[in-house]
Amino acid sequence: MDMSLNPAMAASSSLGKDLPAELAAELDRRRDKLGLVCPGCRQPNLLGASTGYDCFGCTSRFPMVGGYPDLIIGERFDDASDETLLSYEERSNEDLTRHYWQPLFRRLWQQDKTREPRLLSVGCGTGVDVDLLRDDGFDSVGIDCGNRTSVWPRRTHGDRLLLANGKHLPFDDN
């Protein structure tokens, strides 16, 4: 997991004296790696700031929430849950990904090796699928507009998780 974006882990790490500048630089690296654009104006105008992303095109601001960029435009999914439900969801999603998604995607990309295996998990919830797919060699990213970020620090690829709405994707068209 990318420790510089998780506040609890960042506080205990040795990122240097200028933590806000380091966070902004890490957000810029994430933007470039994932091909992020402003979900409002759809332009590549996002700049990492100490508090999240700022769009210098339409002047929208996207804060960090729980250590993750909040690029949600529009509705949020109100899905309050407790630890028992979240643990069940993690186990269930792990089983689904291991026994259905991974075999399916391996077969699909085995047939067509001309395309890079890139996957977007819309409504990724706990993000377990993103971890498993990344570990299996897929360039996967997860977005969710609910309240599952409390378990995202458990993910090994937390830098691949974003708060975003599927109606306003924060990605370039590549």
C-alpha atoms as a PDB file:
ATOM      1  CA  MET A   1       0.000   0.000   0.000  1.00  0.00           C
ATOM      2  CA  ASP A   2       1.104   3.538  -0.666  1.00  0.00           C
ATOM      3  CA  MET A   3       1.786   4.726   2.887  1.00  0.00           C
ATOM      4  CA  SER A   4       2.023   8.409   2.020  1.00  0.00           C
ATOM      5  CA  LEU A   5      -1.695   8.562   1.243  1.00  0.00           C
ATOM      6  CA  ASN A   6      -2.886   6.865   4.424  1.00  0.00           C
ATOM      7  CA  PRO A   7      -2.727   9.442   7.231  1.00  0.00           C
ATOM      8  CA  ALA A   8      -2.236   6.938  10.046  1.00  0.00           C
ATOM      9  CA  MET A   9       0.665   5.263   8.277  1.00  0.00           C
ATOM     10  CA  ALA A  10       2.114   8.522   6.974  1.00  0.00           C
ATOM     11  CA  ALA A  11       2.329   9.933  10.486  1.00  0.00           C
ATOM     12  CA  SER A  12       4.501   7.023  11.580  1.00  0.00           C
ATOM     13  CA  SER A  13       6.688   6.901   8.472  1.00  0.00           C
ATOM     14  CA  SER A  14       9.797   8.885   7.634  1.00  0.00           C
ATOM     15  CA  LEU A  15       8.606  10.752   4.557  1.00  0.00           C
ATOM     16  CA  GLY A  16      10.653  13.802   5.375  1.00  0.00           C
ATOM     17  CA  LYS A  17       9.999  17.179   6.893  1.00  0.00           C
ATOM     18  CA  ASP A  18       7.675  18.593   4.236  1.00  0.00           C
ATOM     19  CA  LEU A  19       4.784  16.109   4.473  1.00  0.00           C
ATOM     20  CA  PRO A  20       2.260  18.293   2.546  1.00  0.00           C
ATOM     21  CA  ALA A  21       4.692  18.664  -0.371  1.00  0.00           C
ATOM     22  CA  GLU A  22       5.348  14.905  -0.331  1.00  0.00           C
ATOM     23  CA  LEU A  23       1.597  14.199  -0.414  1.00  0.00           C
ATOM     24  CA  ALA A  24       1.132  16.560  -3.351  1.00  0.00           C
ATOM     25  CA  ALA A  25       4.006  14.897  -5.210  1.00  0.00           C
ATOM     26  CA  GLU A  26       2.564  11.429  -4.497  1.00  0.00           C
ATOM     27  CA  LEU A  27      -0.845  12.555  -5.785  1.00  0.00           C
ATOM     28  CA  ASP A  28       0.797  13.809  -8.982  1.00  0.00           C
ATOM     29  CA  ARG A  29       2.551  10.434  -9.411  1.00  0.00           C
ATOM     30  CA  ARG A  30      -0.781   8.667  -8.889  1.00  0.00           C
ATOM     31  CA  ARG A  31      -2.481  10.982 -11.407  1.00  0.00           C
ATOM     32  CA  ASP A  32       0.120  10.190 -14.038  1.00  0.00           C
ATOM     33  CA  LYS A  33       0.185   6.446 -13.345  1.00  0.00           C
ATOM     34  CA  LEU A  34      -3.608   6.055 -13.468  1.00  0.00           C
ATOM     35  CA  GLY A  35      -4.332   8.626 -16.174  1.00  0.00           C
ATOM     36  CA  LEU A  36      -6.564  10.723 -13.930  1.00  0.00           C
ATOM     37  CA  VAL A  37      -8.468  13.705 -15.264  1.00  0.00           C
ATOM     38  CA  CYS A  38     -10.886  16.076 -13.595  1.00  0.00           C
ATOM     39  CA  PRO A  39     -14.242  14.277 -13.427  1.00  0.00           C
ATOM     40  CA  GLY A  40     -15.979  17.664 -13.717  1.00  0.00           C
ATOM     41  CA  CYS A  41     -14.456  19.204 -16.833  1.00  0.00           C
ATOM     42  CA  ARG A  42     -12.849  15.951 -18.161  1.00  0.00           C
ATOM     43  CA  GLN A  43      -9.559  17.760 -18.767  1.00  0.00           C
ATOM     44  CA  PRO A  44      -6.091  16.678 -17.571  1.00  0.00           C
ATOM     45  CA  ASN A  45      -5.910  19.674 -15.247  1.00  0.00           C
ATOM     46  CA  LEU A  46      -5.530  17.986 -11.850  1.00  0.00           C
ATOM     47  CA  LEU A  47      -2.706  19.092  -9.598  1.00  0.00           C
ATOM     48  CA  GLY A  48      -1.792  17.374  -6.366  1.00  0.00           C
ATOM     49  CA  ALA A  49      -2.091  19.642  -3.345  1.00  0.00           C
ATOM     50  CA  SER A  50      -1.513  19.051   0.351  1.00  0.00           C
ATOM     51  CA  THR A  51      -5.266  18.553   0.808  1.00  0.00           C
ATOM     52  CA  GLY A  52      -6.103  16.518  -2.322  1.00  0.00           C
ATOM     53  CA  TYR A  53      -6.461  17.414  -5.996  1.00  0.00           C
ATOM     54  CA  ASP A  54      -7.193  20.855  -7.421  1.00  0.00           C
ATOM     55  CA  CYS A  55      -8.360  21.339 -11.001  1.00  0.00           C
ATOM     56  CA  PHE A  56      -6.766  24.417 -12.499  1.00  0.00           C
ATOM     57  CA  GLY A  57      -9.238  24.297 -15.414  1.00  0.00           C
ATOM     58  CA  CYS A  58     -12.644  24.440 -13.750  1.00  0.00           C
ATOM     59  CA  THR A  59     -11.314  25.286 -10.240  1.00  0.00           C
ATOM     60  CA  SER A  60     -12.939  22.229  -8.639  1.00  0.00           C
ATOM     61  CA  ARG A  61     -11.338  20.894  -5.450  1.00  0.00           C
ATOM     62  CA  PHE A  62     -11.206  17.210  -4.551  1.00  0.00           C
ATOM     63  CA  PRO A  63     -10.198  16.528  -0.940  1.00  0.00           C
ATOM     64  CA  MET A  64      -8.629  13.465   0.611  1.00  0.00           C
ATOM     65  CA  VAL A  65     -11.119  11.368   2.601  1.00  0.00           C
ATOM     66  CA  GLY A  66      -9.697   8.726   4.879  1.00  0.00           C
ATOM     67  CA  GLY A  67      -6.392   8.979   3.029  1.00  0.00           C
ATOM     68  CA  TYR A  68      -7.890   8.499  -0.448  1.00  0.00           C
ATOM     69  CA  PRO A  69      -8.712  11.032  -3.189  1.00  0.00           C
ATOM     70  CA  ASP A  70     -12.422  11.886  -3.279  1.00  0.00           C
ATOM     71  CA  LEU A  71     -13.200  12.491  -6.958  1.00  0.00           C
ATOM     72  CA  ILE A  72     -16.937  11.968  -6.573  1.00  0.00           C
ATOM     73  CA  ILE A  73     -19.173  14.209  -8.664  1.00  0.00           C
ATOM     74  CA  GLY A  74     -22.853  13.637  -8.003  1.00  0.00           C
ATOM     75  CA  GLU A  75     -24.455  11.062  -5.778  1.00  0.00           C
ATOM     76  CA  ARG A  76     -22.823   9.007  -3.090  1.00  0.00           C
ATOM     77  CA  PHE A  77     -23.980   5.553  -2.128  1.00  0.00           C
ATOM     78  CA  ASP A  78     -25.158   5.537   1.484  1.00  0.00           C
ATOM     79  CA  ASP A  79     -24.098   2.109   2.665  1.00  0.00           C
ATOM     80  CA  ALA A  80     -23.381   2.309   6.356  1.00  0.00           C
ATOM     81  CA  SER A  81     -22.075  -1.019   7.620  1.00  0.00           C
ATOM     82  CA  ASP A  82     -20.306  -2.552  10.572  1.00  0.00           C
ATOM     83  CA  GLU A  83     -17.079  -4.536  10.815  1.00  0.00           C
ATOM     84  CA  THR A  84     -18.894  -7.889  10.669  1.00  0.00           C
ATOM     85  CA  LEU A  85     -20.546  -7.015   7.367  1.00  0.00           C
ATOM     86  CA  LEU A  86     -17.325  -5.603   5.916  1.00  0.00           C
ATOM     87  CA  SER A  87     -15.368  -8.747   6.867  1.00  0.00           C
ATOM     88  CA  TYR A  88     -18.035 -10.913   5.253  1.00  0.00           C
ATOM     89  CA  GLU A  89     -17.930  -8.747   2.126  1.00  0.00           C
ATOM     90  CA  GLU A  90     -14.146  -9.061   1.945  1.00  0.00           C
ATOM     91  CA  ARG A  91     -14.302 -12.876   2.155  1.00  0.00           C
ATOM     92  CA  SER A  92     -17.154 -13.062  -0.330  1.00  0.00           C
ATOM     93  CA  ASN A  93     -15.417 -10.781  -2.833  1.00  0.00           C
ATOM     94  CA  GLU A  94     -12.178 -12.729  -2.475  1.00  0.00           C
ATOM     95  CA  ASP A  95     -13.995 -15.975  -3.261  1.00  0.00           C
ATOM     96  CA  LEU A  96     -15.800 -14.432  -6.260  1.00  0.00           C
ATOM     97  CA  THR A  97     -12.605 -12.936  -7.649  1.00  0.00           C
ATOM     98  CA  ARG A  98     -10.473 -16.070  -7.178  1.00  0.00           C
ATOM     99  CA  HIS A  99     -13.045 -18.511  -8.553  1.00  0.00           C
ATOM    100  CA  TYR A 100     -14.796 -16.463 -11.234  1.00  0.00           C
ATOM    101  CA  TRP A 101     -13.156 -13.176 -12.249  1.00  0.00           C
ATOM    102  CA  GLN A 102      -9.513 -14.279 -12.355  1.00  0.00           C
ATOM    103  CA  PRO A 103     -10.175 -17.437 -14.435  1.00  0.00           C
ATOM    104  CA  LEU A 104     -12.508 -15.520 -16.753  1.00  0.00           C
ATOM    105  CA  PHE A 105     -10.079 -12.649 -17.342  1.00  0.00           C
ATOM    106  CA  ARG A 106      -7.152 -15.045 -17.848  1.00  0.00           C
ATOM    107  CA  ARG A 107      -9.144 -16.863 -20.543  1.00  0.00           C
ATOM    108  CA  LEU A 108     -10.201 -13.638 -22.244  1.00  0.00           C
ATOM    109  CA  TRP A 109      -6.683 -12.215 -22.376  1.00  0.00           C
ATOM    110  CA  GLN A 110      -5.189 -15.538 -23.376  1.00  0.00           C
ATOM    111  CA  GLN A 111      -7.324 -15.379 -26.523  1.00  0.00           C
ATOM    112  CA  ASP A 112      -6.330 -11.798 -27.373  1.00  0.00           C
ATOM    113  CA  LYS A 113      -2.764 -10.923 -26.432  1.00  0.00           C
ATOM    114  CA  THR A 114      -2.842  -7.688 -28.448  1.00  0.00           C
ATOM    115  CA  ARG A 115      -4.609  -5.789 -25.677  1.00  0.00           C
ATOM    116  CA  GLU A 116      -3.126  -4.817 -22.335  1.00  0.00           C
ATOM    117  CA  PRO A 117      -5.124  -6.447 -19.514  1.00  0.00           C
ATOM    118  CA  ARG A 118      -6.576  -3.311 -17.902  1.00  0.00           C
ATOM    119  CA  LEU A 119      -9.600  -3.530 -15.622  1.00  0.00           C
ATOM    120  CA  LEU A 120     -11.748  -0.989 -13.818  1.00  0.00           C
ATOM    121  CA  SER A 121     -13.735  -2.260 -10.864  1.00  0.00           C
ATOM    122  CA  VAL A 122     -16.719   0.084 -10.640  1.00  0.00           C
ATOM    123  CA  GLY A 123     -18.237  -0.253  -7.197  1.00  0.00           C
ATOM    124  CA  CYS A 124     -15.167  -2.060  -5.854  1.00  0.00           C
ATOM    125  CA  GLY A 125     -16.452  -1.890  -2.273  1.00  0.00           C
ATOM    126  CA  THR A 126     -13.722  -3.271  -0.023  1.00  0.00           C
ATOM    127  CA  GLY A 127     -11.191  -3.361  -2.888  1.00  0.00           C
ATOM    128  CA  VAL A 128     -10.249  -7.030  -2.441  1.00  0.00           C
ATOM    129  CA  ASP A 129     -10.762  -7.683  -6.157  1.00  0.00           C
ATOM    130  CA  VAL A 130      -8.286  -4.955  -7.088  1.00  0.00           C
ATOM    131  CA  ASP A 131      -5.584  -6.539  -4.897  1.00  0.00           C
ATOM    132  CA  LEU A 132      -6.132 -10.027  -6.274  1.00  0.00           C
ATOM    133  CA  LEU A 133      -6.282  -8.889  -9.896  1.00  0.00           C
ATOM    134  CA  ARG A 134      -3.147  -6.738  -9.501  1.00  0.00           C
ATOM    135  CA  ASP A 135      -1.319  -9.687  -7.945  1.00  0.00           C
ATOM    136  CA  ASP A 136      -2.432 -11.777 -10.935  1.00  0.00           C
ATOM    137  CA  GLY A 137      -0.844  -9.331 -13.398  1.00  0.00           C
ATOM    138  CA  PHE A 138      -3.820  -7.197 -14.373  1.00  0.00           C
ATOM    139  CA  ASP A 139      -3.600  -3.409 -14.414  1.00  0.00           C
ATOM    140  CA  SER A 140      -6.644  -2.937 -12.198  1.00  0.00           C
ATOM    141  CA  VAL A 141      -8.099   0.128 -10.492  1.00  0.00           C
ATOM    142  CA  GLY A 142     -11.115   0.309  -8.218  1.00  0.00           C
ATOM    143  CA  ILE A 143     -13.583   3.120  -7.668  1.00  0.00           C
ATOM    144  CA  ASP A 144     -16.416   3.320  -5.192  1.00  0.00           C
ATOM    145  CA  CYS A 145     -18.781   6.055  -4.070  1.00  0.00           C
ATOM    146  CA  GLY A 146     -19.842   4.404  -0.819  1.00  0.00           C
ATOM    147  CA  ASN A 147     -18.466   4.051   2.667  1.00  0.00           C
ATOM    148  CA  ARG A 148     -16.041   1.142   2.309  1.00  0.00           C
ATOM    149  CA  THR A 149     -12.850   3.180   2.646  1.00  0.00           C
ATOM    150  CA  SER A 150     -12.520   2.166   6.293  1.00  0.00           C
ATOM    151  CA  VAL A 151     -11.167  -1.213   5.123  1.00  0.00           C
ATOM    152  CA  TRP A 152      -9.042   0.109   2.252  1.00  0.00           C
ATOM    153  CA  PRO A 153      -5.953   0.437   4.492  1.00  0.00           C
ATOM    154  CA  ARG A 154      -5.962  -3.396   4.574  1.00  0.00           C
ATOM    155  CA  ARG A 155      -5.330  -3.470   0.829  1.00  0.00           C
ATOM    156  CA  THR A 156      -1.842  -4.007  -0.544  1.00  0.00           C
ATOM    157  CA  HIS A 157      -2.614  -1.878  -3.620  1.00  0.00           C
ATOM    158  CA  GLY A 158      -4.394   1.001  -1.895  1.00  0.00           C
ATOM    159  CA  ASP A 159      -2.848   3.433  -4.352  1.00  0.00           C
ATOM    160  CA  ARG A 160      -5.162   1.877  -6.969  1.00  0.00           C
ATOM    161  CA  LEU A 161      -8.366   2.811  -5.079  1.00  0.00           C
ATOM    162  CA  LEU A 162     -10.304   6.052  -5.507  1.00  0.00           C
ATOM    163  CA  LEU A 163     -13.558   7.503  -4.347  1.00  0.00           C
ATOM    164  CA  ALA A 164     -15.361   8.210  -7.605  1.00  0.00           C
ATOM    165  CA  ASN A 165     -18.767   7.882  -9.222  1.00  0.00           C
ATOM    166  CA  GLY A 166     -19.175   5.599 -12.252  1.00  0.00           C
ATOM    167  CA  LYS A 167     -21.249   8.298 -13.969  1.00  0.00           C
ATOM    168  CA  HIS A 168     -18.321  10.744 -13.904  1.00  0.00           C
ATOM    169  CA  LEU A 169     -15.183   8.663 -14.368  1.00  0.00           C
ATOM    170  CA  PRO A 170     -11.939  10.467 -13.477  1.00  0.00           C
ATOM    171  CA  PHE A 171      -9.852   8.755 -16.182  1.00  0.00           C
ATOM    172  CA  ASP A 172      -8.579   9.780 -19.574  1.00  0.00           C
ATOM    173  CA  ASP A 173      -9.951   7.832 -22.513  1.00  0.00           C
ATOM    174  CA  ASN A 174      -6.924   5.526 -22.837  1.00  0.00           C
END
